[in-house]
Amino acid sequence: KWHDSCLNHGEASGPAMAASSRTPMVAPTAKKGDVLQMSPEARLKWLAKAFKRLAVKEFDPNVLLDIVMDPAFLEKVEDPVAPKIYRLIRGNQLKFTEAQSNMLEPVCERCARLSPEVLLMRQFVMELQAMKDNARRERQREEADQRNSGSPQDNARRER
C-alpha cells in the first residue's frame, strides 16, 4: 500500500507487522474527543492505524467518518501533515461505500486548501484529465470525419 510506505517508511503493516513484532497492534481509539485533542501529527498516525484496522474489519467505518468529518479534525493541520492526510484518505476511499466515500470529499477539499502540495497535485490531475478528454474528443472527431468522408457507396456499405 503506497500510503503505508510513506507513513511507516517501509515497515511491515497489518497482520505482518503484528506477527513480526512482539506486541500486538493496538486498536486506535474510537472516542472522537480523544482524537480531536491530539496534535495534527498524532491525528495522522491515528488515521493510518484506523484505516489499517478498517481494512481487516476491526474498525467501524461510520465512527471513522464521524471523526474525520468533524471540522476540528483538520484544525491546526498544515504542511507536511495535510498532504499526508489527503493521500491517506484518497488511498483508502475504496474501503467505503460510494455514499461514504462521497462524504469524504469535503475533507479532501479542506486538506487541499491547507497545502500547496495538494493543490499542485490536484491541478496536475485536472490538467491530465483535460488532456485525456481532448485526445478522446479529437479521436472521435477523426473517426466521424472518416465515416463522413467516404463515397456514398462506401457509406452505404458501412451502414449494412
N, C-alpha and C. Protein backbone atom coordinates (compact mmCIF):
# COMPACT_ATOMS: atom_id res chain seq x y z
N LYS A 1 0.85 -1.18 0.00
CA LYS A 1 0.00 0.00 0.00
C LYS A 1 0.89 1.24 0.00
N TRP A 2 0.66 2.14 -0.92
CA TRP A 2 1.56 3.28 -1.05
C TRP A 2 1.51 4.18 0.16
N HIS A 3 0.34 4.36 0.76
CA HIS A 3 0.25 5.27 1.90
C HIS A 3 0.95 4.71 3.12
N ASP A 4 0.98 3.38 3.27
CA ASP A 4 1.69 2.79 4.40
C ASP A 4 3.17 3.08 4.30
N SER A 5 3.71 2.98 3.10
CA SER A 5 5.15 3.16 2.95
C SER A 5 5.57 4.59 3.26
N CYS A 6 4.71 5.56 2.94
CA CYS A 6 5.11 6.94 3.20
C CYS A 6 4.95 7.28 4.68
N LEU A 7 4.12 6.52 5.40
CA LEU A 7 3.95 6.80 6.81
C LEU A 7 4.84 5.94 7.68
N ASN A 8 5.09 4.70 7.28
CA ASN A 8 5.86 3.78 8.11
C ASN A 8 7.28 3.58 7.60
N HIS A 9 7.64 4.27 6.55
CA HIS A 9 8.98 4.20 5.98
C HIS A 9 9.40 2.77 5.69
N GLY A 10 8.51 2.01 5.04
CA GLY A 10 8.85 0.67 4.59
C GLY A 10 8.65 -0.42 5.62
N GLU A 11 8.15 -0.10 6.80
CA GLU A 11 7.92 -1.14 7.80
C GLU A 11 6.78 -2.02 7.37
N ALA A 12 6.74 -3.22 7.89
CA ALA A 12 5.62 -4.11 7.62
C ALA A 12 4.37 -3.51 8.22
N SER A 13 3.23 -3.83 7.64
CA SER A 13 1.98 -3.28 8.16
C SER A 13 0.97 -4.40 8.32
N GLY A 14 -0.12 -4.09 9.00
CA GLY A 14 -1.23 -5.02 9.16
C GLY A 14 -0.81 -6.27 9.90
N PRO A 15 -1.33 -7.44 9.47
CA PRO A 15 -1.01 -8.68 10.15
C PRO A 15 0.48 -8.99 10.15
N ALA A 16 1.18 -8.59 9.08
CA ALA A 16 2.62 -8.83 9.03
C ALA A 16 3.33 -8.08 10.14
N MET A 17 2.89 -6.86 10.40
CA MET A 17 3.50 -6.08 11.46
C MET A 17 3.22 -6.72 12.81
N ALA A 18 1.99 -7.16 13.02
CA ALA A 18 1.64 -7.77 14.30
C ALA A 18 2.42 -9.06 14.50
N ALA A 19 2.61 -9.83 13.43
CA ALA A 19 3.32 -11.10 13.55
C ALA A 19 4.81 -10.88 13.76
N SER A 20 5.35 -9.82 13.16
CA SER A 20 6.79 -9.61 13.25
C SER A 20 7.21 -8.93 14.54
N SER A 21 6.31 -8.23 15.20
CA SER A 21 6.66 -7.58 16.45
C SER A 21 6.14 -8.39 17.62
N ARG A 22 6.70 -8.15 18.76
CA ARG A 22 6.29 -8.91 19.94
C ARG A 22 5.03 -8.36 20.57
N THR A 23 4.71 -7.11 20.29
CA THR A 23 3.49 -6.53 20.86
C THR A 23 2.42 -6.47 19.78
N PRO A 24 1.19 -6.85 20.12
CA PRO A 24 0.13 -6.82 19.12
C PRO A 24 -0.22 -5.37 18.76
N MET A 25 -0.81 -5.21 17.56
CA MET A 25 -1.24 -3.89 17.14
C MET A 25 -2.28 -3.36 18.10
N VAL A 26 -2.14 -2.13 18.51
CA VAL A 26 -3.09 -1.52 19.42
C VAL A 26 -4.18 -0.87 18.57
N ALA A 27 -5.41 -1.17 18.91
CA ALA A 27 -6.54 -0.59 18.18
C ALA A 27 -6.59 0.91 18.45
N PRO A 28 -6.82 1.72 17.42
CA PRO A 28 -6.93 3.16 17.65
C PRO A 28 -8.20 3.47 18.43
N THR A 29 -8.14 4.53 19.20
CA THR A 29 -9.31 4.92 19.98
C THR A 29 -10.46 5.29 19.05
N ALA A 30 -11.65 5.02 19.50
CA ALA A 30 -12.84 5.37 18.71
C ALA A 30 -13.56 6.54 19.35
N LYS A 31 -12.92 7.18 20.32
CA LYS A 31 -13.54 8.31 21.00
C LYS A 31 -13.17 9.60 20.28
N LYS A 32 -14.18 10.25 19.74
CA LYS A 32 -13.97 11.46 18.95
C LYS A 32 -13.22 12.52 19.73
N GLY A 33 -13.61 12.76 20.96
CA GLY A 33 -12.96 13.80 21.77
C GLY A 33 -11.48 13.54 21.95
N ASP A 34 -11.11 12.29 22.16
CA ASP A 34 -9.69 11.94 22.33
C ASP A 34 -8.90 12.23 21.06
N VAL A 35 -9.47 11.87 19.92
CA VAL A 35 -8.78 12.07 18.65
C VAL A 35 -8.64 13.57 18.35
N LEU A 36 -9.70 14.32 18.56
CA LEU A 36 -9.68 15.75 18.22
C LEU A 36 -8.73 16.54 19.12
N GLN A 37 -8.39 16.01 20.29
CA GLN A 37 -7.45 16.69 21.18
C GLN A 37 -5.99 16.38 20.82
N MET A 38 -5.78 15.42 19.93
CA MET A 38 -4.41 15.05 19.54
C MET A 38 -3.77 16.14 18.69
N SER A 39 -2.45 16.12 18.64
CA SER A 39 -1.73 17.03 17.74
C SER A 39 -2.01 16.59 16.30
N PRO A 40 -1.79 17.46 15.32
CA PRO A 40 -2.02 17.05 13.93
C PRO A 40 -1.21 15.81 13.54
N GLU A 41 0.03 15.71 13.98
CA GLU A 41 0.85 14.53 13.67
C GLU A 41 0.26 13.27 14.29
N ALA A 42 -0.23 13.39 15.53
CA ALA A 42 -0.84 12.24 16.20
C ALA A 42 -2.14 11.83 15.51
N ARG A 43 -2.90 12.83 15.01
CA ARG A 43 -4.14 12.51 14.28
C ARG A 43 -3.82 11.76 12.99
N LEU A 44 -2.72 12.14 12.33
CA LEU A 44 -2.29 11.44 11.13
C LEU A 44 -1.97 9.98 11.45
N LYS A 45 -1.22 9.76 12.52
CA LYS A 45 -0.89 8.39 12.92
C LYS A 45 -2.15 7.62 13.30
N TRP A 46 -3.06 8.29 14.00
CA TRP A 46 -4.33 7.65 14.38
C TRP A 46 -5.09 7.23 13.12
N LEU A 47 -5.14 8.13 12.13
CA LEU A 47 -5.86 7.84 10.89
C LEU A 47 -5.25 6.65 10.17
N ALA A 48 -3.94 6.57 10.13
CA ALA A 48 -3.28 5.44 9.48
C ALA A 48 -3.64 4.13 10.19
N LYS A 49 -3.62 4.15 11.52
CA LYS A 49 -4.00 2.95 12.28
C LYS A 49 -5.46 2.60 12.06
N ALA A 50 -6.32 3.61 12.06
CA ALA A 50 -7.75 3.36 11.87
C ALA A 50 -8.02 2.74 10.50
N PHE A 51 -7.33 3.21 9.46
CA PHE A 51 -7.51 2.63 8.13
C PHE A 51 -7.00 1.19 8.09
N LYS A 52 -5.92 0.90 8.77
CA LYS A 52 -5.41 -0.47 8.81
C LYS A 52 -6.43 -1.39 9.49
N ARG A 53 -7.00 -0.93 10.59
CA ARG A 53 -7.99 -1.72 11.31
C ARG A 53 -9.28 -1.84 10.50
N LEU A 54 -9.62 -0.80 9.78
CA LEU A 54 -10.80 -0.83 8.91
C LEU A 54 -10.63 -1.88 7.82
N ALA A 55 -9.42 -1.99 7.30
CA ALA A 55 -9.14 -2.95 6.22
C ALA A 55 -9.39 -4.39 6.66
N VAL A 56 -9.20 -4.68 7.94
CA VAL A 56 -9.43 -6.04 8.43
C VAL A 56 -10.75 -6.12 9.23
N LYS A 57 -11.60 -5.15 8.97
CA LYS A 57 -12.94 -5.10 9.56
C LYS A 57 -12.92 -5.07 11.10
N GLU A 58 -11.94 -4.38 11.65
CA GLU A 58 -11.84 -4.25 13.10
C GLU A 58 -12.08 -2.81 13.55
N PHE A 59 -12.61 -1.99 12.66
CA PHE A 59 -12.91 -0.60 13.00
C PHE A 59 -14.16 -0.21 12.23
N ASP A 60 -15.07 0.46 12.88
CA ASP A 60 -16.34 0.85 12.28
C ASP A 60 -16.14 2.03 11.33
N PRO A 61 -16.47 1.88 10.04
CA PRO A 61 -16.27 2.99 9.10
C PRO A 61 -17.09 4.23 9.46
N ASN A 62 -18.25 4.02 10.08
CA ASN A 62 -19.07 5.17 10.46
C ASN A 62 -18.43 5.99 11.57
N VAL A 63 -17.74 5.32 12.48
CA VAL A 63 -17.02 6.03 13.54
C VAL A 63 -15.87 6.82 12.92
N LEU A 64 -15.14 6.19 12.00
CA LEU A 64 -14.05 6.88 11.33
C LEU A 64 -14.56 8.11 10.59
N LEU A 65 -15.65 7.95 9.85
CA LEU A 65 -16.23 9.08 9.12
C LEU A 65 -16.65 10.19 10.06
N ASP A 66 -17.29 9.83 11.16
CA ASP A 66 -17.76 10.83 12.12
C ASP A 66 -16.59 11.66 12.64
N ILE A 67 -15.49 11.00 12.94
CA ILE A 67 -14.33 11.72 13.49
C ILE A 67 -13.66 12.57 12.41
N VAL A 68 -13.41 11.99 11.25
CA VAL A 68 -12.68 12.69 10.19
C VAL A 68 -13.49 13.86 9.63
N MET A 69 -14.80 13.73 9.60
CA MET A 69 -15.62 14.79 9.03
C MET A 69 -15.84 15.96 9.98
N ASP A 70 -15.48 15.80 11.23
CA ASP A 70 -15.60 16.90 12.18
C ASP A 70 -14.63 18.01 11.77
N PRO A 71 -15.09 19.26 11.68
CA PRO A 71 -14.19 20.35 11.27
C PRO A 71 -12.94 20.46 12.14
N ALA A 72 -13.03 20.06 13.39
CA ALA A 72 -11.88 20.15 14.29
C ALA A 72 -10.79 19.14 13.93
N PHE A 73 -11.12 18.11 13.14
CA PHE A 73 -10.12 17.11 12.78
C PHE A 73 -8.95 17.74 12.03
N LEU A 74 -9.22 18.73 11.19
CA LEU A 74 -8.15 19.38 10.42
C LEU A 74 -7.66 20.68 11.06
N GLU A 75 -8.10 20.92 12.28
CA GLU A 75 -7.67 22.12 12.99
C GLU A 75 -6.16 22.10 13.20
N LYS A 76 -5.50 23.19 12.88
CA LYS A 76 -4.04 23.37 13.03
C LYS A 76 -3.23 22.43 12.14
N VAL A 77 -3.85 21.81 11.15
CA VAL A 77 -3.14 20.93 10.22
C VAL A 77 -2.55 21.79 9.11
N GLU A 78 -1.27 21.63 8.87
CA GLU A 78 -0.56 22.36 7.82
C GLU A 78 0.37 21.40 7.10
N ASP A 79 1.21 21.94 6.20
CA ASP A 79 2.26 21.13 5.59
C ASP A 79 3.23 20.73 6.69
N PRO A 80 3.78 19.57 6.71
CA PRO A 80 3.67 18.48 5.75
C PRO A 80 2.57 17.48 6.09
N VAL A 81 1.78 17.73 7.12
CA VAL A 81 0.76 16.76 7.54
C VAL A 81 -0.44 16.76 6.59
N ALA A 82 -0.86 17.91 6.11
CA ALA A 82 -2.06 17.99 5.25
C ALA A 82 -1.96 17.11 4.01
N PRO A 83 -0.86 17.14 3.25
CA PRO A 83 -0.81 16.26 2.07
C PRO A 83 -0.80 14.78 2.44
N LYS A 84 -0.23 14.45 3.60
CA LYS A 84 -0.22 13.05 4.02
C LYS A 84 -1.63 12.58 4.37
N ILE A 85 -2.39 13.43 5.06
CA ILE A 85 -3.78 13.09 5.37
C ILE A 85 -4.57 12.96 4.07
N TYR A 86 -4.36 13.89 3.15
CA TYR A 86 -5.05 13.85 1.85
C TYR A 86 -4.76 12.54 1.13
N ARG A 87 -3.48 12.17 1.02
CA ARG A 87 -3.11 10.93 0.31
C ARG A 87 -3.65 9.70 1.04
N LEU A 88 -3.64 9.74 2.35
CA LEU A 88 -4.14 8.61 3.13
C LEU A 88 -5.63 8.41 2.90
N ILE A 89 -6.38 9.48 2.91
CA ILE A 89 -7.83 9.38 2.67
C ILE A 89 -8.09 8.92 1.24
N ARG A 90 -7.45 9.57 0.28
CA ARG A 90 -7.65 9.20 -1.13
C ARG A 90 -7.27 7.74 -1.39
N GLY A 91 -6.21 7.30 -0.77
CA GLY A 91 -5.74 5.93 -0.97
C GLY A 91 -6.63 4.88 -0.33
N ASN A 92 -7.52 5.29 0.53
CA ASN A 92 -8.36 4.34 1.25
C ASN A 92 -9.85 4.52 0.98
N GLN A 93 -10.21 5.37 0.04
CA GLN A 93 -11.62 5.62 -0.22
C GLN A 93 -12.37 4.39 -0.71
N LEU A 94 -11.68 3.44 -1.31
CA LEU A 94 -12.35 2.24 -1.81
C LEU A 94 -12.80 1.32 -0.68
N LYS A 95 -12.37 1.59 0.53
CA LYS A 95 -12.79 0.79 1.67
C LYS A 95 -14.17 1.20 2.18
N PHE A 96 -14.72 2.23 1.57
CA PHE A 96 -16.02 2.75 1.97
C PHE A 96 -17.04 2.49 0.87
N THR A 97 -18.30 2.58 1.22
CA THR A 97 -19.34 2.53 0.20
C THR A 97 -19.22 3.81 -0.62
N GLU A 98 -19.90 3.85 -1.74
CA GLU A 98 -19.85 5.05 -2.58
C GLU A 98 -20.37 6.27 -1.84
N ALA A 99 -21.47 6.09 -1.10
CA ALA A 99 -22.05 7.21 -0.35
C ALA A 99 -21.07 7.70 0.73
N GLN A 100 -20.45 6.77 1.43
CA GLN A 100 -19.48 7.16 2.46
C GLN A 100 -18.28 7.84 1.83
N SER A 101 -17.82 7.31 0.71
CA SER A 101 -16.68 7.90 0.02
C SER A 101 -16.99 9.33 -0.42
N ASN A 102 -18.20 9.54 -0.89
CA ASN A 102 -18.61 10.90 -1.28
C ASN A 102 -18.62 11.84 -0.09
N MET A 103 -18.92 11.30 1.09
CA MET A 103 -18.93 12.13 2.29
C MET A 103 -17.52 12.60 2.65
N LEU A 104 -16.50 11.89 2.19
CA LEU A 104 -15.11 12.27 2.48
C LEU A 104 -14.60 13.39 1.58
N GLU A 105 -15.32 13.69 0.51
CA GLU A 105 -14.86 14.73 -0.42
C GLU A 105 -14.62 16.08 0.24
N PRO A 106 -15.53 16.56 1.12
CA PRO A 106 -15.24 17.86 1.76
C PRO A 106 -13.97 17.85 2.60
N VAL A 107 -13.64 16.71 3.21
CA VAL A 107 -12.41 16.61 3.99
C VAL A 107 -11.21 16.75 3.06
N CYS A 108 -11.27 16.08 1.91
CA CYS A 108 -10.19 16.20 0.93
C CYS A 108 -10.07 17.63 0.41
N GLU A 109 -11.21 18.27 0.20
CA GLU A 109 -11.19 19.67 -0.26
C GLU A 109 -10.51 20.56 0.78
N ARG A 110 -10.82 20.36 2.05
CA ARG A 110 -10.20 21.17 3.10
C ARG A 110 -8.70 20.89 3.18
N CYS A 111 -8.30 19.63 3.04
CA CYS A 111 -6.86 19.30 3.02
C CYS A 111 -6.17 20.01 1.86
N ALA A 112 -6.83 20.05 0.74
CA ALA A 112 -6.25 20.69 -0.45
C ALA A 112 -6.02 22.17 -0.21
N ARG A 113 -6.95 22.81 0.46
CA ARG A 113 -6.79 24.24 0.74
C ARG A 113 -5.68 24.50 1.76
N LEU A 114 -5.34 23.50 2.55
CA LEU A 114 -4.32 23.67 3.59
C LEU A 114 -2.90 23.45 3.07
N SER A 115 -2.77 22.90 1.87
CA SER A 115 -1.45 22.50 1.40
C SER A 115 -1.20 22.89 -0.04
N PRO A 116 -0.16 23.67 -0.30
CA PRO A 116 0.19 23.97 -1.69
C PRO A 116 0.52 22.71 -2.48
N GLU A 117 1.14 21.71 -1.81
CA GLU A 117 1.50 20.46 -2.49
C GLU A 117 0.25 19.76 -3.02
N VAL A 118 -0.78 19.71 -2.19
CA VAL A 118 -2.02 19.05 -2.60
C VAL A 118 -2.68 19.84 -3.73
N LEU A 119 -2.65 21.15 -3.63
CA LEU A 119 -3.23 21.97 -4.70
C LEU A 119 -2.52 21.70 -6.02
N LEU A 120 -1.19 21.58 -5.99
CA LEU A 120 -0.44 21.28 -7.21
C LEU A 120 -0.77 19.89 -7.74
N MET A 121 -0.90 18.91 -6.82
CA MET A 121 -1.26 17.55 -7.26
C MET A 121 -2.63 17.57 -7.93
N ARG A 122 -3.58 18.26 -7.33
CA ARG A 122 -4.93 18.30 -7.88
C ARG A 122 -4.94 19.02 -9.23
N GLN A 123 -4.16 20.11 -9.34
CA GLN A 123 -4.08 20.83 -10.60
C GLN A 123 -3.50 19.92 -11.68
N PHE A 124 -2.45 19.17 -11.36
CA PHE A 124 -1.85 18.25 -12.31
C PHE A 124 -2.86 17.19 -12.75
N VAL A 125 -3.60 16.62 -11.81
CA VAL A 125 -4.60 15.60 -12.14
C VAL A 125 -5.68 16.18 -13.05
N MET A 126 -6.13 17.40 -12.74
CA MET A 126 -7.16 18.03 -13.58
C MET A 126 -6.63 18.31 -14.99
N GLU A 127 -5.38 18.77 -15.09
CA GLU A 127 -4.79 19.03 -16.40
C GLU A 127 -4.62 17.73 -17.18
N LEU A 128 -4.21 16.68 -16.50
CA LEU A 128 -4.06 15.38 -17.15
C LEU A 128 -5.41 14.88 -17.66
N GLN A 129 -6.45 15.04 -16.85
CA GLN A 129 -7.79 14.62 -17.27
C GLN A 129 -8.26 15.44 -18.47
N ALA A 130 -7.98 16.73 -18.47
CA ALA A 130 -8.36 17.58 -19.60
C ALA A 130 -7.64 17.13 -20.87
N MET A 131 -6.36 16.76 -20.74
CA MET A 131 -5.61 16.28 -21.91
C MET A 131 -6.22 14.98 -22.44
N LYS A 132 -6.59 14.08 -21.54
CA LYS A 132 -7.22 12.82 -21.96
C LYS A 132 -8.55 13.09 -22.64
N ASP A 133 -9.34 13.99 -22.08
CA ASP A 133 -10.64 14.33 -22.67
C ASP A 133 -10.46 14.94 -24.06
N ASN A 134 -9.48 15.83 -24.21
CA ASN A 134 -9.22 16.44 -25.51
C ASN A 134 -8.78 15.39 -26.53
N ALA A 135 -7.91 14.48 -26.13
CA ALA A 135 -7.45 13.42 -27.04
C ALA A 135 -8.62 12.52 -27.45
N ARG A 136 -9.51 12.21 -26.50
CA ARG A 136 -10.68 11.38 -26.81
C ARG A 136 -11.60 12.10 -27.79
N ARG A 137 -11.84 13.40 -27.55
CA ARG A 137 -12.70 14.17 -28.47
C ARG A 137 -12.09 14.25 -29.87
N GLU A 138 -10.76 14.45 -29.93
CA GLU A 138 -10.07 14.53 -31.23
C GLU A 138 -10.18 13.20 -31.97
N ARG A 139 -10.01 12.10 -31.24
CA ARG A 139 -10.13 10.77 -31.84
C ARG A 139 -11.55 10.55 -32.36
N GLN A 140 -12.56 10.95 -31.60
CA GLN A 140 -13.95 10.81 -32.04
C GLN A 140 -14.23 11.67 -33.26
N ARG A 141 -13.65 12.87 -33.28
CA ARG A 141 -13.83 13.77 -34.42
C ARG A 141 -13.20 13.17 -35.67
N GLU A 142 -12.01 12.59 -35.54
CA GLU A 142 -11.33 11.96 -36.68
C GLU A 142 -12.13 10.77 -37.19
N GLU A 143 -12.65 9.97 -36.28
CA GLU A 143 -13.46 8.81 -36.68
C GLU A 143 -14.73 9.27 -37.41
N ALA A 144 -15.34 10.34 -36.92
CA ALA A 144 -16.54 10.87 -37.58
C ALA A 144 -16.20 11.41 -38.96
N ASP A 145 -15.06 12.09 -39.07
CA ASP A 145 -14.62 12.61 -40.37
C ASP A 145 -14.38 11.48 -41.35
N GLN A 146 -13.76 10.39 -40.88
CA GLN A 146 -13.51 9.25 -41.76
C GLN A 146 -14.81 8.62 -42.24
N ARG A 147 -15.78 8.52 -41.33
CA ARG A 147 -17.07 7.95 -41.73
C ARG A 147 -17.78 8.85 -42.75
N ASN A 148 -17.65 10.15 -42.58
CA ASN A 148 -18.36 11.09 -43.44
C ASN A 148 -17.63 11.42 -44.73
N SER A 149 -16.35 11.10 -44.81
CA SER A 149 -15.57 11.48 -45.99
C SER A 149 -15.61 10.45 -47.11
N GLY A 150 -16.13 9.28 -46.85
CA GLY A 150 -16.17 8.22 -47.87
C GLY A 150 -17.19 8.54 -48.96
N SER A 151 -17.11 7.76 -50.04
CA SER A 151 -18.08 7.93 -51.13
C SER A 151 -19.44 7.44 -50.65
N PRO A 152 -20.50 7.81 -51.37
CA PRO A 152 -21.83 7.33 -50.98
C PRO A 152 -21.90 5.80 -50.97
N GLN A 153 -21.15 5.15 -51.88
CA GLN A 153 -21.15 3.68 -51.89
C GLN A 153 -20.47 3.13 -50.65
N ASP A 154 -19.34 3.75 -50.23
CA ASP A 154 -18.65 3.32 -49.02
C ASP A 154 -19.55 3.49 -47.81
N ASN A 155 -20.23 4.63 -47.75
CA ASN A 155 -21.12 4.88 -46.63
C ASN A 155 -22.27 3.86 -46.58
N ALA A 156 -22.78 3.50 -47.75
CA ALA A 156 -23.87 2.52 -47.82
C ALA A 156 -23.38 1.16 -47.33
N ARG A 157 -22.14 0.79 -47.68
CA ARG A 157 -21.57 -0.48 -47.21
C ARG A 157 -21.40 -0.48 -45.70
N ARG A 158 -20.97 0.64 -45.14
CA ARG A 158 -20.75 0.72 -43.69
C ARG A 158 -22.07 0.60 -42.92
N GLU A 159 -23.13 1.11 -43.52
CA GLU A 159 -24.43 1.10 -42.83
C GLU A 159 -25.02 -0.29 -42.79
N ARG A 160 -24.63 -1.17 -43.69
CA ARG A 160 -25.18 -2.53 -43.73
C ARG A 160 -24.63 -3.28 -42.61
